[in-house]
Each structure stands twice: as structure tokens, then as C-alpha cells.
Amino acid sequence: MVRALVLAVAVTLAPYPAQHQGSGREPTRATVVFAGTNFRPHSALVDYEIGASCCPATTVGNVNVFVFEHAGVACSKLDAAKSARFFSYTIETDGKRLPVGHPPPTAFFQQASFNVLGNTTGFQPGVSIVFTRIDTSPAGTWHGRIHVPHNSFHGRSYAFNGTFAATWCGTRH
């Protein structure tokens, strides 16, 4: 049963389409407040993840930009890097190409998340991402900027304003 479900997911959505667009050169640099403390980004990765959605129950394809405090996080270490706190920005594209130079359409679900092992604090209203370069070549680099306005949750502050240079990790299931 599980094997049939995995095959159905793989058949439903294809990998993120080839895209080589834009000339952005922004570094990974941002001013970030993470649960009321400073967060200094040093590395970033981007992937396209095909998986199950909870609400409604369906298969979705998400582009995820991950920003880490540790320098030199490689695609092969993405899952291990998530054991420390990290920031992520998710766009539900379902296999559609993302625009370069302006925000994705508002019809694409988007969420900025501040993550620690076992806990995610996510925000949607007012968040934005603009890609200035998308390169799906092996080990290509995606560049852009992210803005998350100041928010409070359970008495803690969260905000992100900065840029990223994220290594492309490809499609994951």
C-alpha cells in the first residue's frame, strides 16, 4: 500500500522544470530576529519537494529556500542541518516555473517559517520573496531577497529582511 502511494506521488508531479533565468548576485546576508534572538545566516540551499499536503489531502510540489546559521551546508547534509534552528521559505508551485524579478503570483501558497527541531513558527500575511536568478543546473545557484515583517507569537519576535545565494539541490520526494 505504501509503495503504491509513493509511486502515485512520483507520477502525479514531475520534477521542477529546467529554468536558467536572471543575473542576480546577492550574497546570503540578512537581519533576522528568531524568537527574540539574533540569527546570522551563513549558507542557503533550495530544493523542490514533492509530497503530501494535509489540507486538503493531495500531492503538492514545493520550492523551499532554506537559510542556515552554519556556513558551508551542502545538499548532501540538508536533512542533518535541520537539526539546528533554521529559516525556510516555501512556495507551492506544483511544477510551475517561478518568476524572476518580481514576487510569485498570490495564487501560490507561500509561508515563511522559523524552525527548531520539533517546532515551526510560520507566517503568511505580508511575507514576500523575489528571485533574481534561478538556475536548475546541477549545483546551480538561486539568488533573491526575502522579507518577513516583524511578527510576535507567544511573546517572541520574528522578522527576516535580507538576501540569499542558495545552492540548487534538485527535486526530492
N, C-alpha and C. Protein backbone atom coordinates (compact mmCIF):
# COMPACT_ATOMS: atom_id res chain seq x y z
N MET A 1 0.83 -1.20 0.00
CA MET A 1 0.00 0.00 0.00
C MET A 1 0.87 1.26 0.00
N VAL A 2 1.88 1.30 0.89
CA VAL A 2 2.75 2.46 0.95
C VAL A 2 3.52 2.61 -0.37
N ARG A 3 4.00 1.51 -0.94
CA ARG A 3 4.73 1.55 -2.21
C ARG A 3 3.85 2.12 -3.31
N ALA A 4 2.59 1.73 -3.36
CA ALA A 4 1.66 2.26 -4.37
C ALA A 4 1.47 3.75 -4.19
N LEU A 5 1.40 4.22 -2.94
CA LEU A 5 1.23 5.64 -2.66
C LEU A 5 2.46 6.41 -3.13
N VAL A 6 3.65 5.92 -2.86
CA VAL A 6 4.87 6.58 -3.30
C VAL A 6 4.92 6.66 -4.82
N LEU A 7 4.57 5.61 -5.51
CA LEU A 7 4.55 5.62 -6.97
C LEU A 7 3.52 6.61 -7.49
N ALA A 8 2.37 6.70 -6.85
CA ALA A 8 1.34 7.65 -7.27
C ALA A 8 1.83 9.08 -7.12
N VAL A 9 2.56 9.36 -6.03
CA VAL A 9 3.10 10.69 -5.81
C VAL A 9 4.11 11.02 -6.90
N ALA A 10 4.99 10.08 -7.22
CA ALA A 10 6.03 10.31 -8.22
C ALA A 10 5.45 10.55 -9.60
N VAL A 11 4.35 9.89 -9.92
CA VAL A 11 3.74 10.02 -11.23
C VAL A 11 2.92 11.31 -11.33
N THR A 12 2.33 11.74 -10.23
CA THR A 12 1.44 12.88 -10.24
C THR A 12 2.15 14.18 -10.61
N LEU A 13 3.30 14.44 -10.01
CA LEU A 13 4.04 15.67 -10.27
C LEU A 13 5.44 15.34 -10.80
N ALA A 14 5.86 16.06 -11.80
CA ALA A 14 7.19 15.89 -12.37
C ALA A 14 8.18 16.76 -11.60
N PRO A 15 9.49 16.54 -11.81
CA PRO A 15 10.48 17.41 -11.18
C PRO A 15 10.28 18.87 -11.59
N TYR A 16 10.87 19.78 -10.83
CA TYR A 16 10.79 21.20 -11.18
C TYR A 16 11.37 21.37 -12.58
N PRO A 17 10.70 22.14 -13.43
CA PRO A 17 11.16 22.29 -14.82
C PRO A 17 12.50 23.03 -14.91
N ALA A 18 13.27 22.70 -15.94
CA ALA A 18 14.55 23.39 -16.16
C ALA A 18 14.29 24.89 -16.29
N GLN A 19 15.11 25.67 -15.60
CA GLN A 19 14.96 27.12 -15.65
C GLN A 19 16.33 27.75 -15.41
N HIS A 20 16.76 28.61 -16.31
CA HIS A 20 18.04 29.31 -16.22
C HIS A 20 17.74 30.76 -16.58
N GLN A 21 17.47 31.56 -15.56
CA GLN A 21 16.97 32.89 -15.82
C GLN A 21 17.47 33.86 -14.75
N GLY A 22 17.78 35.08 -15.15
CA GLY A 22 18.17 36.13 -14.23
C GLY A 22 19.67 36.24 -14.05
N SER A 23 20.09 37.38 -13.50
CA SER A 23 21.52 37.63 -13.33
C SER A 23 21.86 38.06 -11.90
N GLY A 24 20.98 37.78 -10.94
CA GLY A 24 21.22 38.17 -9.55
C GLY A 24 22.52 37.63 -9.00
N ARG A 25 23.12 38.40 -8.10
CA ARG A 25 24.39 38.01 -7.47
C ARG A 25 24.39 38.30 -5.97
N GLU A 26 23.21 38.41 -5.37
CA GLU A 26 23.13 38.74 -3.96
C GLU A 26 23.83 37.66 -3.12
N PRO A 27 24.46 38.07 -2.02
CA PRO A 27 25.04 37.10 -1.08
C PRO A 27 23.97 36.63 -0.09
N THR A 28 24.32 35.67 0.73
CA THR A 28 23.44 35.28 1.83
C THR A 28 23.75 36.21 2.99
N ARG A 29 22.86 37.18 3.19
CA ARG A 29 23.05 38.20 4.22
C ARG A 29 21.69 38.73 4.61
N ALA A 30 21.42 38.80 5.91
CA ALA A 30 20.12 39.27 6.35
C ALA A 30 20.16 39.74 7.79
N THR A 31 19.17 40.55 8.12
CA THR A 31 18.89 40.90 9.51
C THR A 31 17.71 40.04 9.91
N VAL A 32 17.94 39.18 10.91
CA VAL A 32 16.92 38.21 11.29
C VAL A 32 16.74 38.22 12.81
N VAL A 33 15.47 38.26 13.22
CA VAL A 33 15.13 38.07 14.62
C VAL A 33 14.38 36.75 14.69
N PHE A 34 14.90 35.82 15.48
CA PHE A 34 14.37 34.45 15.57
C PHE A 34 14.01 34.19 17.02
N ALA A 35 12.71 34.21 17.32
CA ALA A 35 12.21 34.01 18.69
C ALA A 35 12.87 34.98 19.66
N GLY A 36 13.02 36.22 19.21
CA GLY A 36 13.58 37.26 20.06
C GLY A 36 15.10 37.30 20.12
N THR A 37 15.79 36.42 19.40
CA THR A 37 17.26 36.41 19.40
C THR A 37 17.79 36.65 17.99
N ASN A 38 19.04 37.07 17.91
CA ASN A 38 19.66 37.28 16.60
C ASN A 38 19.96 35.95 15.94
N PHE A 39 19.82 35.94 14.62
CA PHE A 39 20.11 34.77 13.79
C PHE A 39 20.99 35.29 12.66
N ARG A 40 22.21 34.77 12.53
CA ARG A 40 23.13 35.23 11.49
C ARG A 40 23.26 34.19 10.40
N PRO A 41 22.66 34.42 9.24
CA PRO A 41 22.72 33.43 8.16
C PRO A 41 24.10 33.36 7.52
N HIS A 42 24.53 32.11 7.23
CA HIS A 42 25.83 31.89 6.59
C HIS A 42 25.75 31.00 5.35
N SER A 43 24.67 30.25 5.18
CA SER A 43 24.55 29.42 3.99
C SER A 43 23.07 29.22 3.65
N ALA A 44 22.82 28.84 2.38
CA ALA A 44 21.44 28.66 1.93
C ALA A 44 21.38 27.57 0.87
N LEU A 45 20.28 26.84 0.87
CA LEU A 45 20.01 25.79 -0.11
C LEU A 45 18.59 25.97 -0.62
N VAL A 46 18.31 25.43 -1.81
CA VAL A 46 16.96 25.45 -2.36
C VAL A 46 16.68 24.09 -2.98
N ASP A 47 15.46 23.57 -2.78
CA ASP A 47 15.06 22.32 -3.41
C ASP A 47 13.61 22.40 -3.86
N TYR A 48 13.20 21.38 -4.59
CA TYR A 48 11.81 21.21 -4.99
C TYR A 48 11.38 19.89 -4.40
N GLU A 49 10.39 19.93 -3.52
CA GLU A 49 9.96 18.75 -2.80
C GLU A 49 8.55 18.35 -3.22
N ILE A 50 8.42 17.10 -3.62
CA ILE A 50 7.12 16.56 -3.98
C ILE A 50 6.66 15.69 -2.83
N GLY A 51 5.47 15.99 -2.32
CA GLY A 51 4.99 15.23 -1.17
C GLY A 51 3.52 15.46 -0.91
N ALA A 52 3.08 14.95 0.21
CA ALA A 52 1.67 15.04 0.59
C ALA A 52 1.39 16.34 1.32
N SER A 53 0.23 16.90 1.06
CA SER A 53 -0.26 18.07 1.77
C SER A 53 -1.36 17.61 2.72
N CYS A 54 -1.49 18.33 3.81
CA CYS A 54 -2.51 17.94 4.79
C CYS A 54 -3.88 18.49 4.46
N CYS A 55 -3.91 19.70 3.87
CA CYS A 55 -5.16 20.44 3.86
C CYS A 55 -5.41 21.14 2.53
N PRO A 56 -6.10 20.60 1.60
CA PRO A 56 -6.71 19.27 1.62
C PRO A 56 -5.67 18.20 1.33
N ALA A 57 -6.03 16.96 1.57
CA ALA A 57 -5.12 15.84 1.34
C ALA A 57 -4.90 15.68 -0.16
N THR A 58 -3.71 16.00 -0.60
CA THR A 58 -3.37 15.93 -2.02
C THR A 58 -1.85 15.89 -2.16
N THR A 59 -1.34 15.78 -3.36
CA THR A 59 0.09 15.81 -3.62
C THR A 59 0.45 17.21 -4.10
N VAL A 60 1.52 17.76 -3.54
CA VAL A 60 1.94 19.11 -3.90
C VAL A 60 3.42 19.12 -4.23
N GLY A 61 3.84 20.15 -4.95
CA GLY A 61 5.25 20.39 -5.25
C GLY A 61 5.63 21.75 -4.70
N ASN A 62 6.59 21.76 -3.77
CA ASN A 62 7.01 23.00 -3.11
C ASN A 62 8.46 23.33 -3.41
N VAL A 63 8.72 24.59 -3.75
CA VAL A 63 10.08 25.10 -3.78
C VAL A 63 10.36 25.60 -2.37
N ASN A 64 11.47 25.12 -1.78
CA ASN A 64 11.85 25.51 -0.43
C ASN A 64 13.22 26.17 -0.45
N VAL A 65 13.29 27.37 0.11
CA VAL A 65 14.57 28.05 0.31
C VAL A 65 14.90 27.89 1.79
N PHE A 66 16.06 27.31 2.09
CA PHE A 66 16.50 27.09 3.45
C PHE A 66 17.69 28.00 3.74
N VAL A 67 17.67 28.67 4.91
CA VAL A 67 18.76 29.54 5.32
C VAL A 67 19.26 29.04 6.67
N PHE A 68 20.59 28.84 6.76
CA PHE A 68 21.20 28.25 7.95
C PHE A 68 22.22 29.18 8.59
N GLU A 69 22.38 29.06 9.90
CA GLU A 69 23.41 29.81 10.62
C GLU A 69 24.80 29.22 10.35
N HIS A 70 24.87 27.92 10.12
CA HIS A 70 26.17 27.27 9.87
C HIS A 70 26.63 27.54 8.45
N ALA A 71 27.91 27.80 8.29
CA ALA A 71 28.48 28.01 6.97
C ALA A 71 28.70 26.67 6.28
N GLY A 72 28.63 26.69 4.96
CA GLY A 72 29.00 25.52 4.17
C GLY A 72 28.04 24.36 4.19
N VAL A 73 26.78 24.57 4.47
CA VAL A 73 25.82 23.47 4.45
C VAL A 73 25.64 23.02 3.00
N ALA A 74 25.89 21.74 2.74
CA ALA A 74 25.79 21.17 1.40
C ALA A 74 24.48 20.41 1.24
N CYS A 75 24.06 20.21 0.00
CA CYS A 75 22.82 19.49 -0.29
C CYS A 75 22.81 18.11 0.37
N SER A 76 23.95 17.44 0.38
CA SER A 76 24.02 16.10 0.97
C SER A 76 23.80 16.13 2.48
N LYS A 77 23.89 17.30 3.10
CA LYS A 77 23.74 17.44 4.55
C LYS A 77 22.47 18.21 4.92
N LEU A 78 21.56 18.39 3.94
CA LEU A 78 20.35 19.19 4.19
C LEU A 78 19.55 18.65 5.37
N ASP A 79 19.23 17.37 5.37
CA ASP A 79 18.42 16.82 6.46
C ASP A 79 19.12 16.95 7.81
N ALA A 80 20.41 16.70 7.86
CA ALA A 80 21.16 16.83 9.12
C ALA A 80 21.19 18.28 9.60
N ALA A 81 21.28 19.23 8.66
CA ALA A 81 21.34 20.65 9.03
C ALA A 81 20.05 21.11 9.69
N LYS A 82 18.96 20.42 9.43
CA LYS A 82 17.68 20.79 10.02
C LYS A 82 17.59 20.43 11.50
N SER A 83 18.63 19.82 12.06
CA SER A 83 18.62 19.51 13.49
C SER A 83 18.93 20.75 14.33
N ALA A 84 19.49 21.78 13.70
CA ALA A 84 19.71 23.07 14.35
C ALA A 84 18.65 24.04 13.84
N ARG A 85 18.46 25.14 14.51
CA ARG A 85 17.43 26.08 14.06
C ARG A 85 17.79 26.59 12.67
N PHE A 86 16.74 26.85 11.87
CA PHE A 86 16.93 27.34 10.51
C PHE A 86 15.67 28.08 10.07
N PHE A 87 15.82 28.85 9.02
CA PHE A 87 14.71 29.60 8.41
C PHE A 87 14.38 28.93 7.08
N SER A 88 13.09 28.89 6.75
CA SER A 88 12.71 28.36 5.43
C SER A 88 11.59 29.21 4.84
N TYR A 89 11.58 29.25 3.52
CA TYR A 89 10.51 29.94 2.78
C TYR A 89 10.00 28.95 1.75
N THR A 90 8.71 28.65 1.82
CA THR A 90 8.10 27.64 0.95
C THR A 90 7.11 28.29 0.00
N ILE A 91 7.19 27.88 -1.28
CA ILE A 91 6.24 28.32 -2.29
C ILE A 91 5.67 27.08 -2.96
N GLU A 92 4.37 26.93 -2.90
CA GLU A 92 3.72 25.78 -3.54
C GLU A 92 3.52 26.10 -5.02
N THR A 93 4.38 25.51 -5.87
CA THR A 93 4.34 25.81 -7.30
C THR A 93 3.66 24.72 -8.12
N ASP A 94 3.61 23.50 -7.58
CA ASP A 94 3.04 22.35 -8.29
C ASP A 94 3.59 22.22 -9.71
N GLY A 95 4.90 22.38 -9.83
CA GLY A 95 5.57 22.17 -11.11
C GLY A 95 5.61 23.37 -12.04
N LYS A 96 5.05 24.49 -11.62
CA LYS A 96 5.09 25.69 -12.46
C LYS A 96 6.38 26.46 -12.18
N ARG A 97 6.93 27.07 -13.21
CA ARG A 97 8.13 27.89 -13.06
C ARG A 97 7.82 29.13 -12.23
N LEU A 98 8.82 29.56 -11.48
CA LEU A 98 8.70 30.77 -10.69
C LEU A 98 9.15 31.98 -11.50
N PRO A 99 8.57 33.15 -11.24
CA PRO A 99 9.01 34.35 -11.96
C PRO A 99 10.34 34.86 -11.41
N VAL A 100 11.07 35.57 -12.23
CA VAL A 100 12.32 36.22 -11.83
C VAL A 100 12.10 37.72 -11.92
N GLY A 101 12.48 38.44 -10.87
CA GLY A 101 12.38 39.90 -10.88
C GLY A 101 11.15 40.46 -10.20
N HIS A 102 10.20 39.60 -9.86
CA HIS A 102 9.02 40.05 -9.12
C HIS A 102 8.47 38.88 -8.30
N PRO A 103 7.61 39.18 -7.30
CA PRO A 103 7.11 38.10 -6.43
C PRO A 103 6.30 37.06 -7.20
N PRO A 104 6.25 35.83 -6.67
CA PRO A 104 5.38 34.81 -7.27
C PRO A 104 3.92 35.24 -7.20
N PRO A 105 3.07 34.69 -8.05
CA PRO A 105 1.65 35.03 -8.00
C PRO A 105 1.05 34.76 -6.61
N THR A 106 0.12 35.59 -6.22
CA THR A 106 -0.52 35.40 -4.91
C THR A 106 -1.32 34.10 -4.86
N ALA A 107 -1.62 33.51 -6.00
CA ALA A 107 -2.33 32.23 -6.02
C ALA A 107 -1.44 31.09 -5.51
N PHE A 108 -0.12 31.29 -5.51
CA PHE A 108 0.81 30.28 -4.97
C PHE A 108 0.85 30.42 -3.46
N PHE A 109 0.53 29.34 -2.75
CA PHE A 109 0.65 29.36 -1.29
C PHE A 109 2.11 29.63 -0.93
N GLN A 110 2.31 30.54 0.03
CA GLN A 110 3.66 30.88 0.48
C GLN A 110 3.69 30.98 1.99
N GLN A 111 4.79 30.51 2.59
CA GLN A 111 4.93 30.61 4.03
C GLN A 111 6.40 30.75 4.40
N ALA A 112 6.67 31.70 5.30
CA ALA A 112 7.99 31.87 5.89
C ALA A 112 7.96 31.19 7.25
N SER A 113 8.96 30.34 7.51
CA SER A 113 8.96 29.56 8.75
C SER A 113 10.28 29.68 9.50
N PHE A 114 10.16 29.80 10.80
CA PHE A 114 11.30 29.80 11.71
C PHE A 114 11.23 28.45 12.41
N ASN A 115 12.24 27.62 12.19
CA ASN A 115 12.18 26.21 12.58
C ASN A 115 13.23 25.84 13.61
N VAL A 116 12.82 25.10 14.62
CA VAL A 116 13.72 24.41 15.53
C VAL A 116 13.22 22.98 15.57
N LEU A 117 14.09 22.06 15.89
CA LEU A 117 13.73 20.65 15.88
C LEU A 117 12.41 20.43 16.63
N GLY A 118 11.40 19.94 15.91
CA GLY A 118 10.11 19.64 16.52
C GLY A 118 9.14 20.80 16.61
N ASN A 119 9.53 22.00 16.13
CA ASN A 119 8.63 23.15 16.26
C ASN A 119 8.85 24.11 15.09
N THR A 120 7.76 24.53 14.49
CA THR A 120 7.81 25.51 13.40
C THR A 120 6.87 26.66 13.72
N THR A 121 7.36 27.88 13.59
CA THR A 121 6.53 29.07 13.72
C THR A 121 6.49 29.69 12.33
N GLY A 122 5.31 29.66 11.69
CA GLY A 122 5.19 30.12 10.31
C GLY A 122 4.32 31.34 10.18
N PHE A 123 4.64 32.16 9.17
CA PHE A 123 3.89 33.38 8.89
C PHE A 123 3.56 33.43 7.41
N GLN A 124 2.37 33.97 7.08
CA GLN A 124 1.95 34.09 5.69
C GLN A 124 1.63 35.53 5.29
N PRO A 125 0.73 36.24 5.96
CA PRO A 125 0.41 37.60 5.51
C PRO A 125 1.64 38.51 5.56
N GLY A 126 1.86 39.23 4.48
CA GLY A 126 2.93 40.22 4.43
C GLY A 126 4.30 39.69 4.05
N VAL A 127 4.47 38.36 3.94
CA VAL A 127 5.78 37.81 3.58
C VAL A 127 5.98 37.92 2.07
N SER A 128 7.23 38.04 1.65
CA SER A 128 7.48 38.10 0.21
C SER A 128 8.86 37.57 -0.12
N ILE A 129 8.96 37.05 -1.33
CA ILE A 129 10.23 36.58 -1.88
C ILE A 129 10.28 37.03 -3.33
N VAL A 130 11.46 37.44 -3.77
CA VAL A 130 11.69 37.78 -5.17
C VAL A 130 12.97 37.07 -5.58
N PHE A 131 12.87 36.24 -6.60
CA PHE A 131 14.05 35.58 -7.14
C PHE A 131 14.67 36.49 -8.19
N THR A 132 15.98 36.68 -8.12
CA THR A 132 16.67 37.48 -9.13
C THR A 132 17.49 36.60 -10.07
N ARG A 133 17.63 35.34 -9.67
CA ARG A 133 18.30 34.35 -10.53
C ARG A 133 17.79 32.97 -10.13
N ILE A 134 17.44 32.16 -11.12
CA ILE A 134 17.06 30.76 -10.90
C ILE A 134 17.89 29.93 -11.87
N ASP A 135 18.61 28.96 -11.31
CA ASP A 135 19.47 28.11 -12.13
C ASP A 135 19.33 26.67 -11.66
N THR A 136 18.65 25.85 -12.46
CA THR A 136 18.41 24.45 -12.11
C THR A 136 19.50 23.52 -12.64
N SER A 137 20.63 24.07 -13.08
CA SER A 137 21.77 23.23 -13.44
C SER A 137 22.24 22.50 -12.19
N PRO A 138 22.90 21.34 -12.34
CA PRO A 138 23.45 20.69 -11.16
C PRO A 138 24.34 21.67 -10.38
N ALA A 139 24.06 21.83 -9.11
CA ALA A 139 24.77 22.77 -8.22
C ALA A 139 24.63 24.22 -8.69
N GLY A 140 23.56 24.53 -9.43
CA GLY A 140 23.28 25.91 -9.82
C GLY A 140 22.97 26.75 -8.58
N THR A 141 22.94 28.06 -8.74
CA THR A 141 22.66 28.94 -7.62
C THR A 141 21.44 29.80 -7.90
N TRP A 142 20.56 29.87 -6.91
CA TRP A 142 19.39 30.75 -6.96
C TRP A 142 19.68 31.95 -6.06
N HIS A 143 19.38 33.14 -6.55
CA HIS A 143 19.58 34.36 -5.77
C HIS A 143 18.25 35.07 -5.61
N GLY A 144 18.16 35.87 -4.55
CA GLY A 144 16.96 36.65 -4.35
C GLY A 144 16.93 37.34 -3.01
N ARG A 145 15.74 37.85 -2.69
CA ARG A 145 15.56 38.55 -1.42
C ARG A 145 14.26 38.11 -0.77
N ILE A 146 14.26 38.13 0.55
CA ILE A 146 13.11 37.71 1.35
C ILE A 146 12.80 38.80 2.36
N HIS A 147 11.51 39.03 2.54
CA HIS A 147 11.07 39.98 3.57
C HIS A 147 9.95 39.33 4.39
N VAL A 148 10.15 39.31 5.69
CA VAL A 148 9.12 38.89 6.65
C VAL A 148 9.00 40.03 7.64
N PRO A 149 7.86 40.73 7.64
CA PRO A 149 7.72 41.85 8.58
C PRO A 149 7.76 41.37 10.03
N HIS A 150 8.04 42.29 10.92
CA HIS A 150 8.09 41.96 12.35
C HIS A 150 6.76 41.35 12.79
N ASN A 151 6.85 40.19 13.42
CA ASN A 151 5.68 39.49 13.95
C ASN A 151 5.98 39.04 15.37
N SER A 152 4.93 38.86 16.16
CA SER A 152 5.08 38.31 17.50
C SER A 152 4.21 37.08 17.61
N PHE A 153 4.74 36.06 18.28
CA PHE A 153 3.99 34.84 18.53
C PHE A 153 4.40 34.32 19.91
N HIS A 154 3.43 34.13 20.77
CA HIS A 154 3.67 33.70 22.14
C HIS A 154 4.73 34.56 22.83
N GLY A 155 4.64 35.87 22.58
CA GLY A 155 5.53 36.81 23.24
C GLY A 155 6.94 36.88 22.68
N ARG A 156 7.20 36.22 21.56
CA ARG A 156 8.53 36.23 20.96
C ARG A 156 8.47 36.92 19.59
N SER A 157 9.53 37.63 19.24
CA SER A 157 9.59 38.39 17.99
C SER A 157 10.24 37.58 16.88
N TYR A 158 9.75 37.81 15.65
CA TYR A 158 10.28 37.15 14.46
C TYR A 158 10.30 38.17 13.31
N ALA A 159 11.36 38.16 12.52
CA ALA A 159 11.46 39.02 11.34
C ALA A 159 12.63 38.54 10.49
N PHE A 160 12.55 38.80 9.18
CA PHE A 160 13.63 38.46 8.25
C PHE A 160 13.64 39.51 7.16
N ASN A 161 14.79 40.12 6.93
CA ASN A 161 14.93 41.08 5.83
C ASN A 161 16.33 40.91 5.26
N GLY A 162 16.40 40.29 4.07
CA GLY A 162 17.73 40.08 3.52
C GLY A 162 17.74 39.36 2.20
N THR A 163 18.92 38.89 1.84
CA THR A 163 19.16 38.26 0.54
C THR A 163 19.74 36.87 0.73
N PHE A 164 19.74 36.11 -0.36
CA PHE A 164 20.29 34.75 -0.31
C PHE A 164 20.93 34.37 -1.63
N ALA A 165 21.92 33.49 -1.51
CA ALA A 165 22.56 32.80 -2.63
C ALA A 165 22.46 31.32 -2.26
N ALA A 166 21.49 30.62 -2.83
CA ALA A 166 21.17 29.25 -2.41
C ALA A 166 21.56 28.25 -3.48
N THR A 167 22.28 27.21 -3.07
CA THR A 167 22.66 26.14 -3.98
C THR A 167 21.44 25.28 -4.30
N TRP A 168 21.25 24.96 -5.58
CA TRP A 168 20.13 24.13 -6.04
C TRP A 168 20.41 22.67 -5.72
N CYS A 169 19.51 22.05 -4.95
CA CYS A 169 19.66 20.64 -4.55
C CYS A 169 18.80 19.71 -5.39
N GLY A 170 18.03 20.23 -6.33
CA GLY A 170 17.21 19.38 -7.20
C GLY A 170 15.88 19.02 -6.59
N THR A 171 15.25 18.00 -7.19
CA THR A 171 13.93 17.54 -6.76
C THR A 171 14.09 16.41 -5.77
N ARG A 172 13.32 16.49 -4.69
CA ARG A 172 13.30 15.45 -3.65
C ARG A 172 11.89 14.93 -3.50
N HIS A 173 11.76 13.65 -3.19
CA HIS A 173 10.45 13.04 -2.96
C HIS A 173 10.29 12.70 -1.49
